Amino acid sequence: MNYLLYLCLLLLLVWLWAATLRTREYLLRFCHQTCQEAGYQFLDQTVVLESLTLRKGSHGLPVLCRRYRFEVSEDGTDRYQGHIVLSGRQITSFFLHGRQHTEILH
């Protein structure tokens, strides 16, 4: 019986890991495209999980909110931070902090 519990926990961890990788790949594509459209260079081709919280969603149910950080450049010689907030599976905010702060809500 304990083996069945351990197997279920292992399957849950594998599912969470795979879901995290899918989310990261989606955010990489989104950040690259959005930065390009805004005239920025998406540096290092990476996003870093900065915070993970539970918040109340639009229907009153708890939703996992994740904030990711990344770096951008305006002309290739500077470096600025940007961040993206994901509530559940929906992008709720996207910020580019350059010489001119750009806020793109999706």
Foldseek 3Di string as FASTA:
>chain_A
DVVVVVVVVVVVVVVVVVVVVVLFVVVLVVVCVVCVVVQKHFPPSGKAWDDWDWDQDPVRDTWIKTKIKGWIGNPPPDIWIKIWIQTHNDTAWTWTDDPDTDIDGD
